[in-house]
Amino acid sequence: MVVLTSIAILKVLQSPKKDTDVAIALDVSLAQAKTWLHRLVDAGVLEKRSKPVAYAIKPTGLFSSIQRIPNRG
């Protein structure tokens, strides 16, 4: 059930969305949507953005975690 819920949320979050939009899209209460969103943020799958508050899929991949490498000239 948890995996299916996570997949459903990831499909909804193809672009950043408010928690109310996620609740409406999944046809669940706002409290339930917030619970799921917070769990995915805690797991590092989603990020909570501010101004405006929205949830988005956390970027992953080669270039998202590399820090700037100094030039060795």
Protein backbone atom coordinates (compact mmCIF):
# COMPACT_ATOMS: atom_id res chain seq x y z
CA MET A 1 0.00 0.00 0.00
CA VAL A 2 2.80 2.43 0.88
CA VAL A 3 4.56 1.82 -2.44
CA LEU A 4 1.35 2.36 -4.40
CA THR A 5 0.66 5.57 -2.50
CA SER A 6 4.20 6.83 -3.15
CA ILE A 7 3.88 6.07 -6.86
CA ALA A 8 0.52 7.86 -7.01
CA ILE A 9 1.98 10.94 -5.32
CA LEU A 10 4.99 10.97 -7.64
CA LYS A 11 2.66 10.85 -10.65
CA VAL A 12 0.70 13.81 -9.27
CA LEU A 13 3.90 15.77 -8.60
CA GLN A 14 5.16 15.97 -12.17
CA SER A 15 5.25 19.66 -11.35
CA PRO A 16 5.32 21.24 -7.86
CA LYS A 17 1.94 21.22 -6.15
CA LYS A 18 0.35 22.41 -2.92
CA ASP A 19 -0.77 19.82 -0.40
CA THR A 20 -4.39 20.70 -1.14
CA ASP A 21 -3.85 19.94 -4.84
CA VAL A 22 -2.36 16.56 -3.98
CA ALA A 23 -5.30 15.76 -1.71
CA ILE A 24 -7.79 16.64 -4.44
CA ALA A 25 -5.90 14.68 -7.11
CA LEU A 26 -5.77 11.57 -4.92
CA ASP A 27 -9.29 12.03 -3.53
CA VAL A 28 -8.12 11.88 0.09
CA SER A 29 -8.42 14.21 3.05
CA LEU A 30 -5.95 17.05 3.42
CA ALA A 31 -4.69 15.48 6.67
CA GLN A 32 -3.95 12.19 4.89
CA ALA A 33 -2.18 13.93 2.00
CA LYS A 34 -0.04 15.93 4.45
CA THR A 35 0.92 12.75 6.31
CA TRP A 36 2.05 11.05 3.10
CA LEU A 37 3.88 14.15 1.85
CA HIS A 38 5.75 14.58 5.15
CA ARG A 39 6.82 10.93 5.10
CA LEU A 40 8.21 11.31 1.59
CA VAL A 41 10.02 14.51 2.57
CA ASP A 42 11.53 12.71 5.59
CA ALA A 43 12.59 9.83 3.30
CA GLY A 44 14.35 12.28 0.98
CA VAL A 45 12.06 11.61 -1.99
CA LEU A 46 10.33 14.99 -1.99
CA GLU A 47 11.32 18.49 -1.04
CA LYS A 48 9.09 21.12 0.50
CA ARG A 49 9.54 24.46 -1.18
CA SER A 50 8.56 27.83 0.24
CA LYS A 51 7.06 30.98 -1.24
CA PRO A 52 4.72 29.59 -2.44
CA VAL A 53 4.66 26.45 -0.34
CA ALA A 54 4.68 23.44 -2.65
CA TYR A 55 5.97 19.91 -2.75
CA ALA A 56 8.22 18.69 -5.55
CA ILE A 57 10.17 15.59 -6.44
CA LYS A 58 13.69 15.99 -5.10
CA PRO A 59 16.21 16.18 -7.94
CA THR A 60 18.43 13.15 -8.26
CA GLY A 61 21.13 12.08 -10.60
CA LEU A 62 24.74 12.77 -11.36
CA PHE A 63 24.71 16.56 -11.31
CA SER A 64 22.31 17.12 -8.42
CA SER A 65 24.73 15.93 -5.74
CA ILE A 66 28.09 17.04 -7.13
CA GLN A 67 29.60 20.05 -5.45
CA ARG A 68 31.66 22.47 -7.43
CA ILE A 69 35.00 20.87 -8.21
CA PRO A 70 37.97 23.25 -8.00
CA ASN A 71 39.89 23.86 -11.19
CA ARG A 72 43.31 22.21 -11.06
CA GLY A 73 45.15 24.42 -13.49
